């Protein structure tokens, strides 16, 4: 957990992402802002299409063709990464800020051995290292990810299981001792046992090095187990943020509560159906007057303010660091907890 007096490792401020030649159709990301602190695990959660991966790609300057950052800053070591030249950004990405993508089989180079891919990252960012030193570091990061067999360095990705390939991706991310790692759905398509092993490996390695971890997921079970702080996204905006205990025990936004109510629990009545939100996610294009969640909200009862005024992310009456973007979030404070132990 972070200390409130700490200086953020990275600050994202007012990020907007929109289509090129936008003709008023609306932003894909709107005013996304958060801080990342040393040694903490920050989770970005939300359903598919909420803007989680797009946020990560924007931070890494990897936006797909046809999209642009129309506003925002990304402050790292007192510099705005977005204003640096491509050459200056390339020195930072992979060395100071690393990313782990969802699918290791499409991210790893199929024609290069594992050791060559780790060595490539080291030689690019630490050219002063000798080949012997790079090999020693490659073995070290493999061991950190739970791979104790150095012969795996001579394997090709197709010779390894999905879980091992994901560990290789973690090893590559850790190789240059980055300050921040962004992990985008790192346990996708892995079985539950391997999921736990990969997450334990990733978080242990980050805690040992003081690396901050930004975990992107829609799995609230992972969030509850590993997150220090949580950012909930919906329709390209942050709708709630706070520490994990506050989010799970007293969610302020109806979307957050719905996400938590969708998680099956052993104490549930086996005959009780899981919650299904009505409607569909708000489209990014067109009129966005009012609350983006209004058509799916189970609480607003078509109140006038929800139709005409978009709620802003603001602190609850409890104070502290728990914020939500809901006109009636303080009514949620009086409701029963979402999850009790």
Protein backbone atom coordinates (compact mmCIF):
# COMPACT_ATOMS: atom_id res chain seq x y z
CA UNK A 1 0.00 0.00 0.00
CA UNK A 2 1.14 3.51 -0.75
CA UNK A 3 1.83 6.25 1.73
CA UNK A 4 -0.30 9.32 1.03
CA UNK A 5 2.81 11.50 1.30
CA UNK A 6 4.64 9.62 -1.46
CA UNK A 7 5.30 11.21 -4.82
CA UNK A 8 3.59 9.32 -7.68
CA UNK A 9 5.81 7.32 -10.00
CA UNK A 10 3.49 8.19 -12.86
CA UNK A 11 0.57 10.62 -13.12
CA UNK A 12 -1.98 10.43 -15.90
CA UNK A 13 -3.91 13.70 -16.14
CA UNK A 14 -6.98 14.44 -18.22
CA UNK A 15 -6.40 11.85 -20.94
CA UNK A 16 -8.78 12.13 -23.89
CA UNK A 17 -8.62 9.79 -26.88
CA UNK A 18 -10.74 10.46 -29.95
CA UNK A 19 -10.89 9.43 -33.60
CA UNK A 20 -8.77 11.39 -36.05
CA UNK A 21 -10.72 14.16 -37.77
CA UNK A 22 -13.33 13.88 -35.03
CA UNK A 23 -16.53 15.61 -36.13
CA UNK A 24 -18.13 15.92 -32.71
CA UNK A 25 -18.88 12.22 -32.43
CA UNK A 26 -17.47 11.99 -28.92
CA UNK A 27 -14.30 10.75 -27.25
CA UNK A 28 -13.39 7.12 -26.66
CA UNK A 29 -11.64 8.14 -23.43
CA UNK A 30 -12.69 11.23 -21.54
CA UNK A 31 -10.71 12.93 -18.77
CA UNK A 32 -9.04 9.77 -17.44
CA UNK A 33 -6.74 10.69 -14.55
CA UNK A 34 -4.95 8.70 -11.86
CA UNK A 35 -1.64 8.37 -10.01
CA UNK A 36 0.52 5.26 -9.65
CA UNK A 37 2.72 4.85 -6.57
CA UNK A 38 5.80 2.74 -5.86
CA UNK A 39 5.12 -0.84 -4.80
CA UNK A 40 1.34 -0.72 -5.12
CA UNK A 41 -1.06 -2.72 -7.27
CA UNK A 42 -3.62 -0.53 -8.98
CA UNK A 43 -6.48 -2.27 -10.80
CA UNK A 44 -8.39 -0.85 -13.76
CA UNK A 45 -11.68 -2.75 -13.97
CA UNK A 46 -14.75 -2.69 -16.17
CA UNK A 47 -16.46 -4.73 -18.87
CA UNK A 48 -15.02 -5.17 -22.35
CA UNK A 49 -15.10 -1.90 -24.25
CA UNK A 50 -14.97 0.31 -21.16
CA UNK A 51 -11.60 1.81 -22.14
CA UNK A 52 -9.14 -0.12 -19.94
CA UNK A 53 -6.85 -1.41 -22.67
CA UNK A 54 -7.13 1.83 -24.63
CA UNK A 55 -5.84 3.68 -21.56
CA UNK A 56 -2.82 1.37 -21.37
CA UNK A 57 -2.11 1.72 -25.08
CA UNK A 58 -2.31 5.51 -24.79
CA UNK A 59 0.21 5.53 -21.93
CA UNK A 60 2.56 3.38 -24.05
CA UNK A 61 1.99 5.50 -27.20
CA UNK A 62 0.59 2.43 -28.96
CA UNK A 63 -2.82 3.74 -30.01
CA UNK A 64 -4.29 1.99 -33.06
CA UNK A 65 -4.29 3.79 -36.39
CA UNK A 66 -7.13 6.27 -36.66
CA UNK A 67 -7.05 7.29 -33.00
CA UNK A 68 -5.28 10.21 -31.34
CA UNK A 69 -4.68 11.68 -27.90
CA UNK A 70 -6.70 14.90 -28.07
CA UNK A 71 -5.77 16.02 -24.55
CA UNK A 72 -3.88 14.90 -21.47
CA UNK A 73 -0.49 14.53 -19.82
CA UNK A 74 1.48 11.51 -18.62
CA UNK A 75 4.05 12.72 -16.10
CA UNK A 76 6.99 10.41 -15.40
CA UNK A 77 10.14 11.65 -13.67
CA UNK A 78 8.88 15.23 -13.99
CA UNK A 79 8.51 14.94 -17.78
CA UNK A 80 5.38 14.65 -19.88
CA UNK A 81 5.96 11.47 -21.88
CA UNK A 82 3.41 12.54 -24.48
CA UNK A 83 5.54 15.60 -25.35
CA UNK A 84 8.81 13.70 -25.75
CA UNK A 85 10.21 12.74 -29.12
CA UNK A 86 9.75 9.17 -30.37
CA UNK A 87 13.42 8.46 -29.63
CA UNK A 88 13.13 9.73 -26.05
CA UNK A 89 9.96 7.70 -25.46
CA UNK A 90 11.65 4.54 -26.76
CA UNK A 91 14.30 4.89 -24.05
CA UNK A 92 11.56 4.89 -21.41
CA UNK A 93 9.26 2.17 -22.76
CA UNK A 94 10.60 -1.26 -21.87
CA UNK A 95 13.19 0.14 -19.48
CA UNK A 96 11.20 2.30 -17.03
CA UNK A 97 7.63 1.47 -18.05
CA UNK A 98 6.89 -2.04 -19.35
CA UNK A 99 3.71 -3.69 -20.58
CA UNK A 100 2.49 -7.30 -20.56
CA UNK A 101 -0.13 -7.98 -23.23
CA UNK A 102 -3.11 -10.32 -23.01
CA UNK A 103 -1.96 -13.05 -25.37
CA UNK A 104 1.67 -14.15 -24.94
CA UNK A 105 1.53 -16.38 -28.02
CA UNK A 106 0.89 -13.38 -30.26
CA UNK A 107 3.26 -11.10 -28.34
CA UNK A 108 6.32 -13.35 -28.27
CA UNK A 109 8.34 -13.69 -31.47
CA UNK A 110 7.72 -17.26 -32.71
CA UNK A 111 11.06 -17.55 -34.54
CA UNK A 112 13.29 -16.42 -31.66
CA UNK A 113 14.21 -18.48 -28.63
CA UNK A 114 13.10 -17.27 -25.22
CA UNK A 115 16.65 -16.34 -24.21
CA UNK A 116 17.12 -14.27 -27.36
CA UNK A 117 13.98 -12.28 -26.64
CA UNK A 118 15.05 -11.45 -23.08
CA UNK A 119 18.56 -10.65 -24.33
CA UNK A 120 17.11 -8.32 -26.98
CA UNK A 121 15.37 -6.23 -24.33
CA UNK A 122 18.50 -6.07 -22.17
CA UNK A 123 20.87 -5.18 -25.00
CA UNK A 124 18.52 -2.46 -26.23
CA UNK A 125 18.20 -0.68 -22.90
CA UNK A 126 21.47 -1.64 -21.19
CA UNK A 127 24.09 -1.72 -23.95
CA UNK A 128 26.95 -1.60 -21.45
CA UNK A 129 26.16 -5.13 -20.21
CA UNK A 130 28.31 -7.94 -21.54
CA UNK A 131 26.73 -11.07 -23.04
CA UNK A 132 27.67 -12.97 -19.86
CA UNK A 133 25.92 -10.36 -17.69
CA UNK A 134 22.82 -10.42 -19.90
CA UNK A 135 22.67 -14.21 -19.66
CA UNK A 136 22.96 -14.04 -15.88
CA UNK A 137 20.15 -11.48 -15.73
CA UNK A 138 17.98 -13.61 -18.03
CA UNK A 139 18.41 -16.60 -15.71
CA UNK A 140 17.67 -14.39 -12.71
CA UNK A 141 14.36 -13.04 -14.08
CA UNK A 142 13.32 -16.55 -15.14
CA UNK A 143 13.91 -17.68 -11.57
CA UNK A 144 11.91 -14.70 -10.27
CA UNK A 145 8.95 -15.89 -12.33
CA UNK A 146 9.19 -19.42 -10.98
CA UNK A 147 11.07 -20.99 -13.91
CA UNK A 148 14.11 -22.64 -12.37
CA UNK A 149 15.17 -24.56 -15.47
CA UNK A 150 17.68 -22.38 -17.41
CA UNK A 151 17.26 -24.68 -20.41
CA UNK A 152 13.95 -22.92 -21.07
CA UNK A 153 16.05 -20.06 -22.46
CA UNK A 154 16.74 -22.31 -25.44
CA UNK A 155 13.07 -23.07 -26.08
CA UNK A 156 10.82 -21.50 -28.71
CA UNK A 157 7.45 -20.10 -27.55
CA UNK A 158 5.47 -22.87 -29.31
CA UNK A 159 7.32 -25.45 -27.20
CA UNK A 160 5.95 -23.97 -23.97
CA UNK A 161 2.52 -23.95 -22.35
CA UNK A 162 0.38 -20.83 -22.15
CA UNK A 163 1.22 -20.39 -18.48
CA UNK A 164 4.97 -20.64 -19.14
CA UNK A 165 4.72 -18.18 -22.04
CA UNK A 166 2.95 -15.71 -19.79
CA UNK A 167 5.77 -16.09 -17.26
CA UNK A 168 8.24 -15.39 -20.06
CA UNK A 169 6.36 -12.19 -20.83
CA UNK A 170 6.63 -11.23 -17.16
CA UNK A 171 10.36 -12.03 -17.21
CA UNK A 172 10.88 -9.77 -20.24
CA UNK A 173 8.94 -6.99 -18.50
CA UNK A 174 11.06 -7.38 -15.34
CA UNK A 175 14.40 -7.66 -17.14
CA UNK A 176 15.31 -3.97 -17.02
CA UNK A 177 13.94 -3.38 -13.50
CA UNK A 178 11.15 -0.99 -14.57
CA UNK A 179 9.41 1.39 -12.20
CA UNK A 180 5.95 0.58 -13.60
CA UNK A 181 4.51 -2.56 -15.20
CA UNK A 182 1.15 -2.48 -16.97
CA UNK A 183 -0.39 -5.96 -17.15
CA UNK A 184 -3.33 -6.15 -19.56
CA UNK A 185 -5.49 -9.16 -18.68
CA UNK A 186 -2.38 -11.27 -17.92
CA UNK A 187 -4.42 -14.35 -16.98
CA UNK A 188 -6.72 -14.48 -20.02
CA UNK A 189 -7.35 -18.06 -21.26
CA UNK A 190 -5.44 -19.61 -18.34
CA UNK A 191 -7.05 -22.10 -16.00
CA UNK A 192 -7.71 -21.07 -12.41
CA UNK A 193 -4.64 -22.77 -10.94
CA UNK A 194 -2.27 -21.25 -13.49
CA UNK A 195 -4.00 -17.85 -13.05
CA UNK A 196 -3.14 -17.89 -9.36
CA UNK A 197 0.44 -18.95 -10.05
CA UNK A 198 0.96 -16.20 -12.65
CA UNK A 199 -0.57 -13.49 -10.46
CA UNK A 200 1.39 -14.56 -7.38
CA UNK A 201 4.57 -14.58 -9.47
CA UNK A 202 3.89 -11.13 -10.91
CA UNK A 203 2.94 -9.48 -7.64
CA UNK A 204 5.77 -11.07 -5.64
CA UNK A 205 8.33 -9.93 -8.22
CA UNK A 206 6.91 -6.39 -8.18
CA UNK A 207 6.88 -6.21 -4.39
CA UNK A 208 10.49 -7.41 -4.20
CA UNK A 209 11.67 -4.69 -6.59
CA UNK A 210 9.30 -1.88 -5.55
CA UNK A 211 7.75 -1.91 -9.02
CA UNK A 212 4.24 -0.48 -9.31
CA UNK A 213 1.76 -2.80 -11.02
CA UNK A 214 -1.21 -1.59 -13.05
CA UNK A 215 -3.47 -4.61 -13.47
CA UNK A 216 -6.17 -4.40 -16.14
CA UNK A 217 -8.94 -6.93 -15.65
CA UNK A 218 -12.67 -7.56 -15.57
CA UNK A 219 -12.24 -10.33 -12.97
CA UNK A 220 -13.42 -8.91 -9.65
CA UNK A 221 -12.06 -11.97 -7.86
CA UNK A 222 -8.53 -11.03 -8.94
CA UNK A 223 -9.19 -7.45 -7.92
CA UNK A 224 -10.28 -8.43 -4.42
CA UNK A 225 -7.25 -10.66 -3.94
CA UNK A 226 -4.46 -8.51 -5.37
CA UNK A 227 -5.44 -4.83 -5.62
CA UNK A 228 -4.44 -2.04 -3.25
CA UNK A 229 -6.55 0.51 -5.11
CA UNK A 230 -9.28 0.17 -7.72
CA UNK A 231 -10.33 2.36 -10.65
CA UNK A 232 -13.69 1.45 -12.22
CA UNK A 233 -14.23 2.45 -15.86
CA UNK A 234 -17.44 2.68 -17.86
CA UNK A 235 -17.91 4.07 -21.37
CA UNK A 236 -14.46 5.61 -21.47
CA UNK A 237 -14.65 7.38 -18.12
CA UNK A 238 -13.60 6.68 -14.55
CA UNK A 239 -16.80 6.26 -12.55
CA UNK A 240 -15.37 5.21 -9.18
CA UNK A 241 -12.00 5.00 -7.45
CA UNK A 242 -10.80 4.15 -3.97
CA UNK A 243 -8.99 1.54 -1.91
CA UNK A 244 -10.09 -2.03 -2.40
CA UNK A 245 -11.84 -2.43 0.95
CA UNK A 246 -13.94 0.69 0.39
CA UNK A 247 -14.90 -0.32 -3.15
CA UNK A 248 -15.91 -3.85 -2.15
CA UNK A 249 -17.70 -3.00 1.07
CA UNK A 250 -19.46 0.21 0.04
CA UNK A 251 -19.55 0.73 -3.73
CA UNK A 252 -20.89 4.20 -4.49
CA UNK A 253 -21.64 3.84 -8.19
CA UNK A 254 -24.45 1.51 -9.34
CA UNK A 255 -22.19 0.07 -12.04
CA UNK A 256 -19.59 -0.93 -9.44
CA UNK A 257 -22.27 -2.56 -7.33
CA UNK A 258 -23.54 -4.42 -10.39
CA UNK A 259 -20.03 -5.73 -11.14
CA UNK A 260 -19.75 -7.02 -7.59
CA UNK A 261 -23.25 -8.53 -7.63
CA UNK A 262 -22.26 -10.52 -10.73
CA UNK A 263 -19.56 -12.37 -8.77
CA UNK A 264 -20.83 -15.82 -7.61
CA UNK A 265 -20.18 -16.68 -3.97
CA UNK A 266 -20.29 -19.93 -2.02
CA UNK A 267 -22.86 -18.38 0.35
CA UNK A 268 -25.29 -17.64 -2.49
CA UNK A 269 -28.55 -19.51 -2.92
CA UNK A 270 -27.81 -21.93 -5.79
CA UNK A 271 -31.26 -21.19 -7.18
CA UNK A 272 -30.64 -17.42 -7.31
CA UNK A 273 -29.80 -16.24 -10.82
CA UNK A 274 -26.83 -13.95 -11.27
CA UNK A 275 -27.59 -10.29 -11.87
CA UNK A 276 -27.89 -9.29 -15.52
CA UNK A 277 -27.76 -5.58 -16.31
CA UNK A 278 -30.47 -4.47 -18.73
CA UNK A 279 -29.65 -2.70 -21.97
CA UNK A 280 -26.29 -2.34 -23.67
CA UNK A 281 -23.16 -0.28 -22.94
CA UNK A 282 -23.49 3.35 -23.91
CA UNK A 283 -22.22 4.06 -27.43
CA UNK A 284 -19.17 6.28 -27.61
CA UNK A 285 -20.48 8.28 -30.54
CA UNK A 286 -23.32 10.75 -30.68
CA UNK A 287 -25.13 12.60 -27.91
CA UNK A 288 -23.69 11.95 -24.46
CA UNK A 289 -25.83 14.38 -22.53
CA UNK A 290 -26.52 13.19 -19.02
CA UNK A 291 -25.19 10.06 -17.32
CA UNK A 292 -23.78 7.42 -19.68
CA UNK A 293 -25.07 4.67 -17.39
CA UNK A 294 -28.68 5.90 -17.24
CA UNK A 295 -30.19 3.30 -19.57
CA UNK A 296 -28.82 0.43 -17.46
CA UNK A 297 -29.03 1.93 -13.98
CA UNK A 298 -31.23 0.08 -11.51
CA UNK A 299 -31.27 3.01 -9.07
CA UNK A 300 -31.87 6.30 -10.87
CA UNK A 301 -35.58 5.77 -11.74
CA UNK A 302 -35.18 8.22 -14.62
CA UNK A 303 -34.46 11.16 -12.35
CA UNK A 304 -34.24 14.42 -14.26
CA UNK A 305 -30.68 15.32 -13.26
CA UNK A 306 -29.42 11.95 -14.54
CA UNK A 307 -30.90 12.70 -17.95
CA UNK A 308 -29.58 16.22 -18.32
CA UNK A 309 -26.30 16.46 -16.40
CA UNK A 310 -23.28 14.16 -16.57
CA UNK A 311 -22.03 13.41 -13.03
CA UNK A 312 -18.46 14.38 -12.16
CA UNK A 313 -16.00 12.26 -10.20
CA UNK A 314 -16.11 13.66 -6.67
CA UNK A 315 -15.46 12.62 -3.08
CA UNK A 316 -18.16 10.95 -1.01
CA UNK A 317 -19.50 12.39 2.23
CA UNK A 318 -17.15 10.00 4.03
CA UNK A 319 -14.24 12.04 2.68
CA UNK A 320 -10.91 10.35 2.15
CA UNK A 321 -9.92 8.95 -1.22
CA UNK A 322 -13.20 7.26 -2.19
CA UNK A 323 -14.65 9.06 -5.24
CA UNK A 324 -17.50 8.31 -7.61
CA UNK A 325 -19.28 9.89 -10.57
CA UNK A 326 -22.91 9.50 -9.50
CA UNK A 327 -25.42 12.19 -8.52
CA UNK A 328 -26.81 9.95 -5.78
CA UNK A 329 -23.66 8.20 -4.57
CA UNK A 330 -24.17 9.30 -0.97
CA UNK A 331 -27.44 7.37 -0.87
CA UNK A 332 -25.34 4.25 -1.47
CA UNK A 333 -23.42 4.90 1.76
CA UNK A 334 -26.58 4.13 3.72
CA UNK A 335 -27.26 0.90 1.85
CA UNK A 336 -26.01 -2.53 2.89
CA UNK A 337 -22.43 -3.50 1.99
CA UNK A 338 -21.92 -5.26 -1.34
CA UNK A 339 -19.59 -7.84 0.21
CA UNK A 340 -19.34 -8.79 3.86
CA UNK A 341 -16.89 -11.17 5.42
